[in-house]
């Protein structure tokens, strides 16, 4: 994309030079805001080339101001990304059991943990098995 942009810019510059070179007539410039001021006769080629130069300078200033805004936005997003990565890392490192003791899980249902296992609440099918074994043990 940058190649096409530079190619078009180069073609427009060449066209401006050819246009200026083909219009060598002398002109007198009058400023529209102040009609009483007139210039000495100037070549139309100089007027065209100065107009192109002023346009390039205005374009460069506007582009620079726009790039400052983009760089500020990039910095803001990079800072936000860094903060989110830190938060994600802290959440990944957080222990499963730190969540308020399994958010109020019933200690009687959980029972004693087996060695090498996590102290997690049982699934529904495990509760049924646990209820069945406790009812058998109370029946005997």
N, C-alpha and C. Protein backbone atom coordinates (compact mmCIF):
# COMPACT_ATOMS: atom_id res chain seq x y z
N UNK A 1 0.82 -1.20 0.00
CA UNK A 1 0.00 0.00 0.00
C UNK A 1 0.86 1.26 0.00
N UNK A 2 1.93 1.26 0.78
CA UNK A 2 2.79 2.44 0.82
C UNK A 2 3.44 2.69 -0.54
N UNK A 3 3.70 1.62 -1.29
CA UNK A 3 4.32 1.77 -2.60
C UNK A 3 3.39 2.50 -3.55
N UNK A 4 2.12 2.14 -3.53
CA UNK A 4 1.14 2.79 -4.40
C UNK A 4 0.99 4.27 -4.03
N UNK A 5 0.98 4.56 -2.72
CA UNK A 5 0.85 5.94 -2.27
C UNK A 5 2.04 6.79 -2.75
N UNK A 6 3.24 6.25 -2.60
CA UNK A 6 4.42 7.00 -3.05
C UNK A 6 4.46 7.13 -4.57
N UNK A 7 4.02 6.11 -5.28
CA UNK A 7 3.98 6.18 -6.73
C UNK A 7 3.01 7.26 -7.20
N UNK A 8 1.82 7.31 -6.59
CA UNK A 8 0.85 8.35 -6.94
C UNK A 8 1.38 9.75 -6.60
N UNK A 9 2.04 9.87 -5.47
CA UNK A 9 2.62 11.17 -5.09
C UNK A 9 3.68 11.60 -6.10
N UNK A 10 4.52 10.66 -6.50
CA UNK A 10 5.56 10.97 -7.49
C UNK A 10 4.94 11.38 -8.82
N UNK A 11 3.91 10.68 -9.26
CA UNK A 11 3.25 11.03 -10.53
C UNK A 11 2.61 12.42 -10.45
N UNK A 12 1.99 12.75 -9.32
CA UNK A 12 1.40 14.08 -9.17
C UNK A 12 2.46 15.18 -9.16
N UNK A 13 3.60 14.90 -8.53
CA UNK A 13 4.69 15.89 -8.52
C UNK A 13 5.24 16.11 -9.94
N UNK A 14 5.42 15.03 -10.67
CA UNK A 14 5.92 15.16 -12.06
C UNK A 14 4.91 15.94 -12.89
N UNK A 15 3.61 15.64 -12.70
CA UNK A 15 2.58 16.37 -13.44
C UNK A 15 2.60 17.86 -13.08
N UNK A 16 2.80 18.19 -11.81
CA UNK A 16 2.84 19.60 -11.39
C UNK A 16 4.03 20.31 -12.03
N UNK A 17 5.16 19.66 -12.10
CA UNK A 17 6.34 20.29 -12.73
C UNK A 17 6.10 20.49 -14.23
N UNK A 18 5.53 19.49 -14.89
CA UNK A 18 5.25 19.63 -16.33
C UNK A 18 4.22 20.74 -16.55
N UNK A 19 3.20 20.80 -15.71
CA UNK A 19 2.19 21.85 -15.83
C UNK A 19 2.82 23.22 -15.62
N UNK A 20 3.67 23.34 -14.63
CA UNK A 20 4.33 24.63 -14.37
C UNK A 20 5.25 25.01 -15.52
N UNK A 21 5.95 24.04 -16.05
CA UNK A 21 6.89 24.34 -17.15
C UNK A 21 6.14 24.76 -18.42
N UNK A 22 4.93 24.28 -18.61
CA UNK A 22 4.18 24.64 -19.82
C UNK A 22 3.44 25.98 -19.66
N UNK A 23 3.39 26.52 -18.46
CA UNK A 23 2.72 27.80 -18.21
C UNK A 23 3.73 28.81 -17.67
N UNK A 24 4.48 29.39 -18.57
CA UNK A 24 5.52 30.34 -18.17
C UNK A 24 5.06 31.79 -18.29
N UNK A 25 3.79 32.03 -18.49
CA UNK A 25 3.27 33.39 -18.61
C UNK A 25 3.46 34.15 -17.31
N UNK A 26 3.54 35.46 -17.44
CA UNK A 26 3.65 36.35 -16.28
C UNK A 26 2.23 36.71 -15.81
N UNK A 27 2.03 36.64 -14.48
CA UNK A 27 0.74 37.00 -13.92
C UNK A 27 0.95 37.95 -12.76
N UNK A 28 -0.09 38.73 -12.47
CA UNK A 28 -0.09 39.62 -11.32
C UNK A 28 -1.09 39.02 -10.32
N UNK A 29 -0.63 38.78 -9.11
CA UNK A 29 -1.48 38.17 -8.09
C UNK A 29 -2.18 39.24 -7.27
N UNK A 30 -3.45 39.00 -7.00
CA UNK A 30 -4.24 39.87 -6.15
C UNK A 30 -4.79 39.01 -5.02
N UNK A 31 -4.60 39.46 -3.80
CA UNK A 31 -5.13 38.72 -2.65
C UNK A 31 -6.62 39.02 -2.53
N UNK A 32 -7.47 37.98 -2.42
CA UNK A 32 -8.91 38.23 -2.37
C UNK A 32 -9.34 38.97 -1.10
N UNK A 33 -8.65 38.77 0.00
CA UNK A 33 -9.04 39.42 1.25
C UNK A 33 -8.70 40.90 1.22
N UNK A 34 -7.60 41.24 0.56
CA UNK A 34 -7.16 42.64 0.49
C UNK A 34 -6.98 42.99 -0.99
N UNK A 35 -8.03 43.50 -1.64
CA UNK A 35 -7.97 43.72 -3.09
C UNK A 35 -7.01 44.83 -3.51
N UNK A 36 -6.55 45.66 -2.59
CA UNK A 36 -5.68 46.76 -2.96
C UNK A 36 -4.23 46.34 -3.11
N UNK A 37 -3.89 45.14 -2.63
CA UNK A 37 -2.50 44.70 -2.71
C UNK A 37 -2.32 43.84 -3.96
N UNK A 38 -1.38 44.22 -4.79
CA UNK A 38 -1.05 43.48 -6.01
C UNK A 38 0.44 43.18 -5.97
N UNK A 39 0.83 42.07 -6.59
CA UNK A 39 2.25 41.72 -6.65
C UNK A 39 2.83 42.20 -7.96
N UNK A 40 4.13 42.14 -8.01
CA UNK A 40 4.81 42.38 -9.29
C UNK A 40 4.52 41.18 -10.19
N UNK A 41 4.66 41.32 -11.47
CA UNK A 41 4.41 40.18 -12.36
C UNK A 41 5.33 39.00 -11.99
N UNK A 42 4.69 37.83 -11.84
CA UNK A 42 5.40 36.61 -11.44
C UNK A 42 5.06 35.53 -12.45
N UNK A 43 6.01 34.64 -12.68
CA UNK A 43 5.78 33.53 -13.59
C UNK A 43 4.73 32.59 -13.00
N UNK A 44 3.83 32.10 -13.82
CA UNK A 44 2.80 31.19 -13.37
C UNK A 44 3.40 29.87 -12.88
N UNK A 45 4.55 29.51 -13.41
CA UNK A 45 5.24 28.29 -12.96
C UNK A 45 5.63 28.41 -11.49
N UNK A 46 6.10 29.58 -11.10
CA UNK A 46 6.48 29.80 -9.69
C UNK A 46 5.25 29.72 -8.81
N UNK A 47 4.13 30.29 -9.24
CA UNK A 47 2.90 30.24 -8.46
C UNK A 47 2.43 28.79 -8.28
N UNK A 48 2.48 28.01 -9.36
CA UNK A 48 2.04 26.61 -9.29
C UNK A 48 2.95 25.82 -8.35
N UNK A 49 4.25 25.95 -8.49
CA UNK A 49 5.18 25.19 -7.66
C UNK A 49 5.10 25.61 -6.19
N UNK A 50 4.91 26.92 -5.93
CA UNK A 50 4.73 27.36 -4.55
C UNK A 50 3.42 26.82 -3.97
N UNK A 51 2.37 26.76 -4.78
CA UNK A 51 1.10 26.20 -4.31
C UNK A 51 1.26 24.73 -3.94
N UNK A 52 1.98 23.98 -4.76
CA UNK A 52 2.24 22.56 -4.46
C UNK A 52 3.05 22.43 -3.18
N UNK A 53 4.08 23.28 -3.03
CA UNK A 53 4.92 23.21 -1.83
C UNK A 53 4.12 23.54 -0.57
N UNK A 54 3.26 24.56 -0.63
CA UNK A 54 2.44 24.90 0.52
C UNK A 54 1.46 23.76 0.84
N UNK A 55 0.90 23.13 -0.17
CA UNK A 55 0.02 21.98 0.03
C UNK A 55 0.73 20.82 0.70
N UNK A 56 1.97 20.56 0.30
CA UNK A 56 2.75 19.48 0.91
C UNK A 56 3.05 19.81 2.37
N UNK A 57 3.38 21.05 2.66
CA UNK A 57 3.67 21.44 4.04
C UNK A 57 2.42 21.31 4.92
N UNK A 58 1.27 21.76 4.42
CA UNK A 58 0.03 21.63 5.18
C UNK A 58 -0.30 20.15 5.40
N UNK A 59 -0.14 19.31 4.38
CA UNK A 59 -0.38 17.88 4.50
C UNK A 59 0.54 17.26 5.55
N UNK A 60 1.81 17.67 5.57
CA UNK A 60 2.76 17.11 6.54
C UNK A 60 2.38 17.49 7.97
N UNK A 61 1.96 18.73 8.17
CA UNK A 61 1.58 19.17 9.52
C UNK A 61 0.34 18.42 9.99
N UNK A 62 -0.66 18.29 9.14
CA UNK A 62 -1.89 17.58 9.52
C UNK A 62 -1.58 16.10 9.79
N UNK A 63 -0.73 15.49 8.97
CA UNK A 63 -0.37 14.08 9.18
C UNK A 63 0.39 13.91 10.49
N UNK A 64 1.27 14.84 10.81
CA UNK A 64 2.03 14.76 12.06
C UNK A 64 1.10 14.86 13.27
N UNK A 65 0.14 15.76 13.22
CA UNK A 65 -0.82 15.90 14.32
C UNK A 65 -1.66 14.62 14.45
N UNK A 66 -2.06 14.05 13.33
CA UNK A 66 -2.80 12.79 13.36
C UNK A 66 -1.98 11.65 13.91
N UNK A 67 -0.69 11.60 13.59
CA UNK A 67 0.16 10.51 14.09
C UNK A 67 0.37 10.64 15.59
N UNK A 68 0.39 11.86 16.11
CA UNK A 68 0.51 12.04 17.56
C UNK A 68 -0.71 11.43 18.26
N UNK A 69 -1.89 11.65 17.70
CA UNK A 69 -3.11 11.08 18.28
C UNK A 69 -3.07 9.55 18.23
N UNK A 70 -2.62 8.99 17.10
CA UNK A 70 -2.53 7.53 16.99
C UNK A 70 -1.51 6.97 17.97
N UNK A 71 -0.40 7.63 18.13
CA UNK A 71 0.62 7.15 19.07
C UNK A 71 0.11 7.21 20.51
N UNK A 72 -0.64 8.23 20.86
CA UNK A 72 -1.23 8.33 22.19
C UNK A 72 -2.21 7.18 22.42
N UNK A 73 -3.01 6.88 21.42
CA UNK A 73 -3.98 5.78 21.53
C UNK A 73 -3.26 4.43 21.64
N UNK A 74 -2.20 4.24 20.89
CA UNK A 74 -1.41 2.99 20.96
C UNK A 74 -0.81 2.85 22.34
N UNK A 75 -0.25 3.92 22.88
CA UNK A 75 0.32 3.87 24.23
C UNK A 75 -0.74 3.51 25.26
N UNK A 76 -1.92 4.11 25.13
CA UNK A 76 -3.02 3.84 26.06
C UNK A 76 -3.44 2.37 25.97
N UNK A 77 -3.56 1.82 24.77
CA UNK A 77 -3.96 0.43 24.61
C UNK A 77 -2.88 -0.53 25.09
N UNK A 78 -1.60 -0.19 24.88
CA UNK A 78 -0.52 -1.04 25.38
C UNK A 78 -0.53 -1.07 26.91
N UNK A 79 -0.77 0.08 27.53
CA UNK A 79 -0.84 0.13 28.99
C UNK A 79 -2.02 -0.69 29.51
N UNK A 80 -3.17 -0.59 28.85
CA UNK A 80 -4.34 -1.36 29.24
C UNK A 80 -4.08 -2.86 29.04
N UNK A 81 -3.42 -3.22 27.96
CA UNK A 81 -3.08 -4.61 27.69
C UNK A 81 -2.15 -5.16 28.77
N UNK A 82 -1.18 -4.36 29.18
CA UNK A 82 -0.26 -4.79 30.23
C UNK A 82 -1.01 -5.01 31.54
N UNK A 83 -1.92 -4.09 31.89
CA UNK A 83 -2.70 -4.24 33.12
C UNK A 83 -3.57 -5.49 33.08
N UNK A 84 -4.18 -5.76 31.92
CA UNK A 84 -5.01 -6.95 31.80
C UNK A 84 -4.19 -8.23 31.87
N UNK A 85 -2.97 -8.21 31.33
CA UNK A 85 -2.11 -9.39 31.43
C UNK A 85 -1.71 -9.64 32.88
N UNK A 86 -1.43 -8.58 33.62
CA UNK A 86 -1.09 -8.75 35.04
C UNK A 86 -2.28 -9.33 35.80
N UNK A 87 -3.48 -8.81 35.53
CA UNK A 87 -4.67 -9.32 36.19
C UNK A 87 -4.93 -10.78 35.82
N UNK A 88 -4.76 -11.12 34.55
CA UNK A 88 -4.96 -12.50 34.12
C UNK A 88 -3.96 -13.44 34.76
N UNK A 89 -2.71 -13.01 34.87
CA UNK A 89 -1.69 -13.83 35.51
C UNK A 89 -2.02 -14.03 36.99
N UNK A 90 -2.47 -12.98 37.65
CA UNK A 90 -2.81 -13.13 39.06
C UNK A 90 -4.01 -14.05 39.24
N UNK A 91 -4.97 -14.00 38.31
CA UNK A 91 -6.12 -14.90 38.41
C UNK A 91 -5.74 -16.34 38.10
N UNK A 92 -4.80 -16.54 37.20
CA UNK A 92 -4.34 -17.90 36.90
C UNK A 92 -3.60 -18.50 38.09
N UNK A 93 -2.89 -17.68 38.81
CA UNK A 93 -2.10 -18.17 39.94
C UNK A 93 -2.91 -18.29 41.21
N UNK A 94 -4.12 -17.81 41.19
CA UNK A 94 -4.95 -17.86 42.39
C UNK A 94 -5.38 -19.31 42.64
N UNK A 95 -5.29 -19.73 43.88
CA UNK A 95 -5.64 -21.10 44.23
C UNK A 95 -7.13 -21.31 44.09
N UNK A 96 -7.51 -22.52 43.75
CA UNK A 96 -8.92 -22.84 43.60
C UNK A 96 -9.63 -22.71 44.94
N UNK A 97 -8.94 -23.03 46.00
CA UNK A 97 -9.55 -23.03 47.32
C UNK A 97 -9.62 -21.65 47.95
N UNK A 98 -9.04 -20.64 47.32
CA UNK A 98 -9.07 -19.30 47.88
C UNK A 98 -10.42 -18.62 47.71
N UNK A 99 -11.32 -19.19 46.95
CA UNK A 99 -12.59 -18.56 46.66
C UNK A 99 -13.58 -18.75 47.80
N UNK A 100 -13.24 -18.21 48.97
CA UNK A 100 -14.12 -18.20 50.13
C UNK A 100 -14.55 -19.61 50.51
N UNK A 101 -13.60 -20.48 50.61
CA UNK A 101 -13.84 -21.88 51.00
C UNK A 101 -14.96 -22.48 50.17
N UNK A 102 -14.76 -22.41 48.83
CA UNK A 102 -15.70 -22.97 47.86
C UNK A 102 -17.08 -22.34 47.96
N UNK A 103 -17.09 -21.09 48.35
CA UNK A 103 -18.30 -20.27 48.39
C UNK A 103 -19.41 -20.93 49.20
N UNK A 104 -19.08 -21.33 50.41
CA UNK A 104 -20.08 -21.84 51.33
C UNK A 104 -20.44 -23.29 51.13
N UNK A 105 -19.53 -24.11 50.62
CA UNK A 105 -19.83 -25.54 50.43
C UNK A 105 -20.03 -26.20 51.79
N UNK A 106 -20.92 -27.14 51.82
CA UNK A 106 -21.25 -27.82 53.07
C UNK A 106 -20.10 -28.75 53.44
N UNK A 107 -19.54 -28.55 54.63
CA UNK A 107 -18.38 -29.33 55.05
C UNK A 107 -18.75 -30.77 55.31
N UNK A 108 -19.97 -31.05 55.71
CA UNK A 108 -20.38 -32.43 55.99
C UNK A 108 -20.49 -33.23 54.70
N UNK A 109 -20.88 -32.59 53.62
CA UNK A 109 -21.01 -33.29 52.35
C UNK A 109 -19.63 -33.57 51.77
N UNK A 110 -18.72 -32.65 51.96
CA UNK A 110 -17.39 -32.80 51.39
C UNK A 110 -16.66 -33.96 52.01
N UNK A 111 -16.71 -34.12 53.31
CA UNK A 111 -16.04 -35.23 53.96
C UNK A 111 -14.55 -34.99 54.06
N UNK A 112 -13.81 -36.00 54.39
CA UNK A 112 -12.36 -35.87 54.52
C UNK A 112 -11.72 -36.14 53.17
N UNK A 113 -10.75 -35.35 52.79
CA UNK A 113 -10.13 -35.56 51.48
C UNK A 113 -9.19 -36.76 51.49
N UNK A 114 -9.09 -37.36 50.33
CA UNK A 114 -8.13 -38.44 50.15
C UNK A 114 -6.75 -37.83 50.02
N UNK A 115 -5.71 -38.57 50.38
CA UNK A 115 -4.36 -38.02 50.22
C UNK A 115 -4.07 -37.77 48.74
N UNK A 116 -3.52 -36.61 48.46
CA UNK A 116 -3.15 -36.26 47.09
C UNK A 116 -4.31 -35.74 46.26
N UNK A 117 -5.49 -35.53 46.84
CA UNK A 117 -6.63 -35.02 46.08
C UNK A 117 -6.99 -33.64 46.60
N UNK A 118 -7.70 -32.92 45.77
CA UNK A 118 -8.16 -31.59 46.17
C UNK A 118 -9.41 -31.73 47.01
N UNK A 119 -9.62 -30.81 47.89
CA UNK A 119 -10.78 -30.81 48.76
C UNK A 119 -11.91 -30.05 48.04
N UNK A 120 -12.51 -30.69 47.03
CA UNK A 120 -13.56 -30.07 46.23
C UNK A 120 -14.91 -30.67 46.58
N UNK A 121 -16.00 -29.93 46.39
CA UNK A 121 -17.31 -30.52 46.66
C UNK A 121 -17.60 -31.60 45.62
N UNK A 122 -18.33 -32.64 46.00
CA UNK A 122 -18.60 -33.73 45.05
C UNK A 122 -19.61 -33.31 44.00
N UNK A 123 -19.53 -33.98 42.86
CA UNK A 123 -20.52 -33.78 41.82
C UNK A 123 -21.82 -34.42 42.27
N UNK A 124 -22.89 -34.22 41.52
CA UNK A 124 -24.20 -34.75 41.90
C UNK A 124 -24.18 -36.27 42.00
N UNK A 125 -23.54 -36.93 41.02
CA UNK A 125 -23.51 -38.39 41.07
C UNK A 125 -22.67 -38.88 42.25
N UNK A 126 -21.67 -38.14 42.67
CA UNK A 126 -20.88 -38.52 43.83
C UNK A 126 -21.70 -38.36 45.11
N UNK A 127 -22.58 -37.35 45.14
CA UNK A 127 -23.44 -37.15 46.31
C UNK A 127 -24.40 -38.33 46.47
N UNK A 128 -24.92 -38.81 45.35
CA UNK A 128 -25.81 -39.97 45.41
C UNK A 128 -25.08 -41.18 45.96
N UNK A 129 -23.82 -41.40 45.50
CA UNK A 129 -23.03 -42.52 46.01
C UNK A 129 -22.74 -42.32 47.50
N UNK A 130 -22.42 -41.10 47.89
CA UNK A 130 -22.12 -40.80 49.29
C UNK A 130 -23.35 -41.03 50.17
N UNK A 131 -24.53 -40.60 49.66
CA UNK A 131 -25.77 -40.82 50.42
C UNK A 131 -26.08 -42.30 50.54
N UNK A 132 -25.83 -43.05 49.47
CA UNK A 132 -26.11 -44.49 49.50
C UNK A 132 -25.19 -45.21 50.48
N UNK A 133 -23.92 -44.84 50.53
CA UNK A 133 -22.99 -45.51 51.46
C UNK A 133 -23.30 -45.12 52.90
N UNK A 134 -23.70 -43.89 53.15
CA UNK A 134 -24.02 -43.50 54.52
C UNK A 134 -25.31 -44.14 54.98
N UNK A 135 -26.27 -44.33 54.07
CA UNK A 135 -27.52 -44.99 54.48
C UNK A 135 -27.28 -46.47 54.75
N UNK A 136 -26.38 -47.10 53.99
CA UNK A 136 -26.06 -48.50 54.25
C UNK A 136 -25.36 -48.67 55.58
N UNK A 137 -24.44 -47.73 55.90
CA UNK A 137 -23.69 -47.85 57.14
C UNK A 137 -24.58 -47.60 58.35
N UNK A 138 -25.61 -46.77 58.22
CA UNK A 138 -26.50 -46.51 59.34
C UNK A 138 -27.49 -47.65 59.53
N UNK A 139 -27.79 -48.40 58.44
CA UNK A 139 -28.72 -49.52 58.53
C UNK A 139 -28.11 -50.70 59.28
N UNK A 140 -26.83 -50.89 59.20
CA UNK A 140 -26.18 -52.04 59.83
C UNK A 140 -26.08 -51.92 61.27
